[in-house]
Protein backbone atom coordinates (compact mmCIF):
# COMPACT_ATOMS: atom_id res chain seq x y z
CA MET A 1 19.53 11.28 2.11
CA SER A 2 17.11 8.58 0.93
CA LYS A 3 13.39 9.16 1.40
CA SER A 4 11.26 7.03 3.73
CA PHE A 5 10.13 3.93 1.90
CA ALA A 6 6.72 4.38 0.27
CA SER A 7 4.27 5.56 3.00
CA THR A 8 6.16 4.23 6.02
CA GLY A 9 6.93 7.77 7.10
CA ASP A 10 3.26 8.80 7.12
CA MET A 11 1.77 7.54 10.37
CA SER A 12 -0.46 10.51 11.17
CA LYS A 13 -4.17 9.89 11.72
CA LYS A 14 -6.39 11.16 8.91
CA ASN A 15 -9.70 12.92 9.44
CA VAL A 16 -12.61 10.92 8.07
CA THR A 17 -15.55 12.58 6.32
CA PHE A 18 -18.81 10.72 5.78
CA ALA A 19 -21.06 12.81 3.59
CA GLU A 20 -24.24 12.39 1.56
CA ILE A 21 -23.51 13.12 -2.10
CA GLY A 22 -26.90 12.16 -3.54
CA PRO A 23 -30.19 10.71 -2.31
CA ASP A 24 -29.17 7.91 0.10
CA LEU A 25 -25.67 7.85 -1.40
CA TYR A 26 -22.61 8.43 0.78
CA ALA A 27 -18.86 8.92 0.46
CA TYR A 28 -16.41 7.78 3.14
CA THR A 29 -13.20 9.78 2.56
CA ALA A 30 -10.07 10.40 4.59
CA GLU A 31 -7.61 12.99 3.29
CA GLY A 32 -6.22 10.96 0.42
CA ASP A 33 -6.58 7.52 2.00
CA PRO A 34 -8.67 4.89 0.15
CA ASN A 35 -12.33 5.86 -0.13
CA SER A 36 -15.42 3.72 0.33
CA GLY A 37 -18.93 4.39 -0.93
CA VAL A 38 -22.36 3.48 0.40
CA ILE A 39 -25.57 2.97 -1.57
CA VAL A 40 -28.76 2.67 0.47
CA GLY A 41 -31.64 0.94 -1.24
CA GLU A 42 -35.19 0.11 -0.22
CA ASP A 43 -34.34 -3.03 1.73
CA CYS A 44 -30.54 -3.23 1.95
CA CYS A 45 -27.24 -1.45 1.37
CA MET A 46 -24.20 -1.88 -0.82
CA VAL A 47 -20.65 -0.82 0.15
CA ILE A 48 -18.13 0.03 -2.53
CA ASP A 49 -14.62 -1.06 -1.48
CA ALA A 50 -14.13 -2.71 1.87
CA GLN A 51 -11.04 -1.01 3.40
CA ALA A 52 -7.80 -2.80 4.31
CA THR A 53 -8.73 -4.66 7.49
CA PRO A 54 -11.88 -5.74 9.35
CA ALA A 55 -11.01 -3.21 12.05
CA MET A 56 -10.98 -0.36 9.52
CA ALA A 57 -14.16 -1.67 7.88
CA SER A 58 -15.87 -1.52 11.27
CA ASP A 59 -15.71 2.28 11.12
CA VAL A 60 -17.54 2.26 7.79
CA ILE A 61 -20.12 -0.15 9.24
CA ALA A 62 -20.64 2.06 12.31
CA ARG A 63 -21.24 5.12 10.15
CA VAL A 64 -23.73 3.26 7.97
CA ALA A 65 -25.61 2.20 11.12
CA LYS A 66 -26.09 5.87 12.02
CA ILE A 67 -27.95 6.62 8.78
CA THR A 68 -29.99 3.44 8.27
CA ASP A 69 -31.00 0.18 9.92
CA LYS A 70 -30.95 -1.66 6.59
CA PRO A 71 -28.38 -4.46 6.36
CA ILE A 72 -25.25 -4.35 4.19
CA ARG A 73 -25.91 -7.24 1.81
CA TYR A 74 -23.36 -6.47 -0.91
CA VAL A 75 -19.71 -5.43 -0.95
CA VAL A 76 -18.32 -4.41 -4.34
CA LEU A 77 -14.57 -4.65 -4.94
CA THR A 78 -13.59 -2.17 -7.63
CA HIS A 79 -10.26 -4.02 -8.03
CA TYR A 80 -7.99 -6.45 -6.21
CA HIS A 81 -5.57 -4.26 -4.22
CA ALA A 82 -5.21 -5.24 -0.56
CA VAL A 83 -6.03 -1.81 0.85
CA ARG A 84 -9.43 -2.08 -0.84
CA VAL A 85 -10.47 -5.65 -0.19
CA LEU A 86 -9.01 -7.32 2.91
CA GLY A 87 -11.62 -5.80 5.25
CA ALA A 88 -14.48 -7.54 3.46
CA SER A 89 -14.97 -10.23 6.11
CA ALA A 90 -16.27 -7.60 8.56
CA TYR A 91 -19.46 -6.98 6.56
CA ASP A 92 -21.15 -10.40 6.73
CA ALA A 93 -22.45 -9.63 3.25
CA HIS A 94 -24.39 -12.09 1.09
CA GLY A 95 -22.52 -11.03 -2.03
CA VAL A 96 -18.91 -9.96 -2.53
CA ILE A 97 -18.82 -8.78 -6.13
CA ALA A 98 -15.92 -8.19 -8.53
CA SER A 99 -15.07 -8.57 -12.19
CA ASP A 100 -13.85 -11.94 -13.35
CA ALA A 101 -10.57 -10.25 -14.28
CA THR A 102 -10.17 -9.17 -10.64
CA TYR A 103 -10.82 -12.74 -9.47
CA ARG A 104 -8.05 -13.98 -11.77
CA LEU A 105 -5.67 -11.31 -10.48
CA ILE A 106 -6.36 -12.38 -6.87
CA GLU A 107 -5.49 -15.94 -7.91
CA GLU A 108 -2.33 -14.81 -9.66
CA ARG A 109 -0.95 -12.21 -7.25
CA GLY A 110 -3.26 -11.62 -4.29
CA GLN A 111 -0.88 -12.90 -1.62
CA GLN A 112 2.12 -11.03 -3.01
CA ASP A 113 0.06 -7.84 -3.24
CA TRP A 114 -1.04 -8.20 0.39
CA GLU A 115 2.55 -8.58 1.59
CA SER A 116 3.70 -5.73 -0.65
CA GLU A 117 1.03 -3.26 0.45
CA PHE A 118 1.40 -4.17 4.12
CA GLY A 119 5.05 -3.13 3.84
CA ARG A 120 4.26 0.09 2.03
CA PHE A 121 1.22 1.27 4.09
CA PRO A 122 1.64 0.22 7.73
CA ARG A 123 -0.83 2.88 8.94
CA LEU A 124 -3.62 1.51 6.75
CA PHE A 125 -3.41 -2.00 8.16
CA GLN A 126 -4.83 -1.38 11.63
CA ASP A 127 -5.24 -4.64 13.56
CA ALA A 128 -3.80 -6.56 10.60
CA GLU A 129 -3.98 -9.83 12.51
CA SER A 130 -7.78 -9.67 12.23
CA ILE A 131 -7.58 -10.34 8.47
CA PRO A 132 -8.68 -13.96 8.00
CA GLY A 133 -7.00 -14.39 4.61
CA LEU A 134 -7.41 -13.31 1.01
CA THR A 135 -10.80 -11.91 0.03
CA TRP A 136 -12.51 -14.09 -2.59
CA PRO A 137 -15.51 -12.69 -4.50
CA ASN A 138 -18.48 -15.05 -4.63
CA LEU A 139 -20.17 -13.21 -7.53
CA VAL A 140 -18.14 -12.27 -10.60
CA PHE A 141 -19.08 -10.93 -14.02
CA GLY A 142 -17.55 -10.04 -17.35
CA GLU A 143 -18.69 -6.64 -18.61
CA GLU A 144 -21.91 -5.68 -16.83
CA LEU A 145 -24.03 -6.70 -13.85
CA THR A 146 -27.26 -5.22 -12.48
CA VAL A 147 -28.02 -5.48 -8.76
CA PHE A 148 -31.32 -4.41 -7.23
CA LEU A 149 -31.43 -3.10 -3.67
CA GLY A 150 -35.19 -3.45 -3.47
CA LYS A 151 -36.35 -1.27 -6.36
CA ARG A 152 -33.12 0.71 -6.48
CA GLU A 153 -30.98 -0.32 -9.44
CA VAL A 154 -27.17 -0.36 -9.34
CA LYS A 155 -25.26 -1.01 -12.55
CA LEU A 156 -21.74 -2.41 -12.30
CA TYR A 157 -19.50 -2.06 -15.35
CA HIS A 158 -16.09 -3.30 -16.37
CA LEU A 159 -15.49 -0.51 -18.88
CA GLY A 160 -11.88 -1.40 -19.64
CA ALA A 161 -8.44 -1.63 -18.11
CA GLY A 162 -6.76 1.29 -16.38
CA HIS A 163 -5.57 1.28 -12.79
CA THR A 164 -5.61 -2.54 -13.09
CA ALA A 165 -6.92 -4.99 -15.67
CA GLY A 166 -10.08 -5.62 -13.66
CA ASP A 167 -11.41 -2.22 -12.54
CA ILE A 168 -15.15 -1.77 -12.26
CA VAL A 169 -17.37 1.24 -11.59
CA ALA A 170 -20.75 1.41 -9.86
CA TRP A 171 -23.45 3.58 -11.47
CA VAL A 172 -26.69 4.56 -9.76
CA PRO A 173 -29.04 5.57 -12.61
CA ASP A 174 -31.80 7.18 -10.52
CA ALA A 175 -29.32 9.69 -9.09
CA GLN A 176 -26.73 9.76 -11.92
CA VAL A 177 -23.95 9.15 -9.40
CA MET A 178 -20.84 7.05 -10.00
CA PHE A 179 -18.34 5.31 -7.72
CA SER A 180 -15.18 5.01 -9.82
CA GLY A 181 -12.62 3.29 -7.61
CA ASP A 182 -9.07 4.25 -8.52
CA LEU A 183 -9.86 4.85 -12.19
CA VAL A 184 -10.45 8.48 -11.15
CA GLU A 185 -8.54 10.34 -8.43
CA PHE A 186 -8.89 13.89 -7.14
CA HIS A 187 -5.82 15.79 -5.95
CA SER A 188 -4.22 12.43 -5.28
CA ALA A 189 -1.56 10.68 -7.29
CA CYS A 190 -2.69 7.77 -9.42
CA TYR A 191 -0.98 4.55 -8.41
CA CYS A 192 0.12 3.02 -11.71
CA GLY A 193 2.29 0.11 -10.60
CA ASP A 194 -0.24 -2.42 -11.94
CA ALA A 195 -1.73 -0.20 -14.61
CA HIS A 196 -2.47 -0.52 -18.29
CA LEU A 197 -1.47 3.00 -19.18
CA ARG A 198 -2.30 2.98 -22.88
CA ASP A 199 -5.84 1.78 -22.11
CA TRP A 200 -6.58 4.06 -19.17
CA PRO A 201 -7.47 7.25 -21.11
CA GLY A 202 -10.05 5.35 -23.18
CA THR A 203 -11.66 4.02 -20.01
CA LEU A 204 -11.79 7.57 -18.67
CA ASP A 205 -13.58 8.63 -21.86
CA MET A 206 -16.26 6.04 -21.14
CA ILE A 207 -16.68 7.31 -17.56
CA ARG A 208 -17.01 10.86 -18.83
CA GLY A 209 -19.67 9.65 -21.25
CA PHE A 210 -21.98 8.91 -18.31
CA ASP A 211 -21.79 12.63 -17.40
CA PRO A 212 -22.20 11.96 -13.65
CA LYS A 213 -23.80 14.57 -11.43
CA ALA A 214 -21.51 13.39 -8.63
CA LEU A 215 -18.66 10.90 -8.34
CA VAL A 216 -16.71 9.24 -5.54
CA PRO A 217 -13.10 8.81 -6.66
CA GLY A 218 -10.69 6.22 -5.32
CA ARG A 219 -8.86 8.85 -3.31
CA GLY A 220 -9.60 12.47 -2.60
CA ASP A 221 -12.75 14.43 -1.80
CA ALA A 222 -16.12 13.38 -3.13
CA LEU A 223 -17.06 15.31 -6.27
CA THR A 224 -20.53 16.80 -5.94
CA ASN A 225 -21.08 18.64 -9.24
CA ARG A 226 -20.45 17.96 -12.91
CA ALA A 227 -17.75 20.61 -13.26
CA THR A 228 -15.61 19.05 -10.53
CA VAL A 229 -16.23 15.56 -11.92
CA HIS A 230 -14.95 16.70 -15.31
CA GLU A 231 -11.96 18.36 -13.64
CA ALA A 232 -11.04 15.17 -11.80
CA ILE A 233 -11.29 13.07 -14.95
CA ALA A 234 -9.15 15.58 -16.83
CA MET A 235 -6.52 15.67 -14.07
CA THR A 236 -6.41 11.89 -13.94
CA ARG A 237 -5.96 11.76 -17.71
CA ASP A 238 -3.19 14.36 -17.53
CA PHE A 239 -1.39 12.38 -14.82
CA VAL A 240 -1.55 9.08 -16.70
CA SER A 241 -0.71 10.59 -20.09
CA SER A 242 2.18 12.66 -18.77
CA LEU A 243 3.65 9.55 -17.15
CA TYR A 244 3.33 7.24 -20.13
CA THR A 245 4.34 9.75 -22.81
CA THR A 246 7.51 10.61 -20.91
CA ALA A 247 8.39 6.95 -20.45
CA GLU A 248 7.63 6.09 -24.07
CA LEU A 249 9.91 8.83 -25.35
CA SER A 250 12.62 7.89 -22.89
CA VAL A 251 12.56 4.22 -23.87
CA ALA A 252 12.58 5.12 -27.56
CA ARG A 253 15.72 7.17 -26.94
CA GLY A 254 17.44 4.27 -25.19
CA ARG A 255 17.37 5.80 -21.72
CA SER A 256 17.70 3.72 -18.55
CA LEU A 257 15.00 3.30 -15.89
CA LYS A 258 16.83 5.74 -13.61
CA GLU A 259 17.08 8.31 -16.40
CA THR A 260 13.40 7.81 -17.21
CA TYR A 261 12.53 8.35 -13.57
CA GLN A 262 14.44 11.64 -13.53
CA GLU A 263 12.74 12.80 -16.74
CA ALA A 264 9.30 11.89 -15.41
CA ARG A 265 9.95 13.83 -12.21
CA ALA A 266 10.98 16.88 -14.25
CA VAL A 267 7.74 16.74 -16.25
CA MET A 268 5.34 15.75 -13.47
CA ASP A 269 6.62 17.37 -10.26
CA PRO A 270 5.53 20.90 -11.25
CA LYS A 271 1.95 19.71 -11.73
CA PHE A 272 1.49 16.90 -9.22
CA ALA A 273 4.11 17.04 -6.45
CA ASP A 274 1.58 18.31 -3.90
CA PHE A 275 -0.90 15.49 -4.57
CA ALA A 276 -1.48 12.89 -1.85
CA ILE A 277 0.87 9.84 -1.98
CA TYR A 278 2.78 11.28 -4.97
CA GLU A 279 6.22 10.53 -3.51
CA HIS A 280 5.08 7.01 -2.63
CA CYS A 281 3.66 6.27 -6.06
CA GLN A 282 6.10 7.82 -8.47
CA PRO A 283 8.89 5.19 -8.40
CA PHE A 284 6.34 2.38 -8.86
CA ASN A 285 4.59 4.41 -11.56
CA VAL A 286 7.71 5.02 -13.61
CA ALA A 287 8.82 1.40 -13.26
CA ARG A 288 5.50 0.22 -14.71
CA ALA A 289 5.45 2.90 -17.45
CA PHE A 290 9.02 1.95 -18.44
CA ASP A 291 7.97 -1.72 -18.64
CA GLU A 292 4.87 -1.03 -20.71
CA ALA A 293 6.77 1.23 -23.08
CA SER A 294 9.34 -1.57 -23.40
CA GLY A 295 6.67 -4.04 -24.53
CA ILE A 296 5.74 -5.71 -21.21
CA ASP A 297 1.96 -5.60 -21.49
CA HIS A 298 1.08 -7.67 -18.39
CA PRO A 299 2.30 -5.87 -15.24
CA VAL A 300 5.08 -7.63 -13.38
CA ILE A 301 4.01 -8.79 -9.90
CA TRP A 302 5.18 -6.56 -7.08
CA THR A 303 6.57 -8.42 -4.09
CA ALA A 304 7.85 -6.99 -0.82
CA GLU A 305 11.39 -7.72 -1.99
CA ARG A 306 10.93 -6.20 -5.44
CA ASP A 307 9.40 -3.08 -3.85
CA ARG A 308 12.52 -2.45 -1.77
CA GLU A 309 14.94 -3.20 -4.58
CA MET A 310 13.21 -0.79 -6.95
CA TRP A 311 12.96 1.90 -4.27
CA ALA A 312 16.67 1.66 -3.52
CA ALA A 313 17.50 1.90 -7.22
CA LEU A 314 15.36 5.00 -7.84
CA GLN A 315 15.02 6.81 -4.52
CA GLY A 316 18.14 5.69 -2.65
């Protein structure tokens, strides 16, 4: 029997946790669903990742209102994926910030990604008709940008490719806390369908070099001590490396995509099968790893049609 396509079989409501992880720093998490972060400064706030729809963003906004009366002036998009960015219009923020690489990816594939993710994650697109259109950053940067929330400094870095070509992290120096987006996950599968798998471990090395006291990953519980941060980085590295190494060997041996998928499952299931969204991600992950190992450096655009065709070929 074929498995339910992507996350269409998961319609259960997730419990949201909104917790302080450092001084005036908060993590919005929901049992493996996309996380958001909140940084409260002297005169305003910054939200990291907007959620998938304005309706879902409104829950983040309501929780921020319970802890401060300071306005949300900035929304940071760690990357371009629809489940992260399409709720941005709800915030009425002065600045919507992303890397210039993310802006180019929105231009290239933003609409296709929206249609693809809507098909894969129906539960995450609550009140989808409220989305006014693609989210366009109005402040972009190359490698580094400093934003001041009053006197509080937030450093935004594009450390390198990984989950996508445009991932950025937010670093709060006064608290030594990082918001990593999907470059780091915790007990959740990495989605690698748009990844640069050979580059990802090096980007993780740079994150580890900050030695954060706490970190909000893209998915999974907030990490509130250095030991757990290091564990999450190591698990993410293991996931990405296991995937790519298996695909690279399989391609070198002349194996097909289907055979590569079976080999990757044999290697990765024992370690990661209980991680959130693993079954959803793995076909997309192996397809991208197979492509990269075959010399396709720029990820092929996922469309709603391509999603279904690949799923039928690997999971049918």
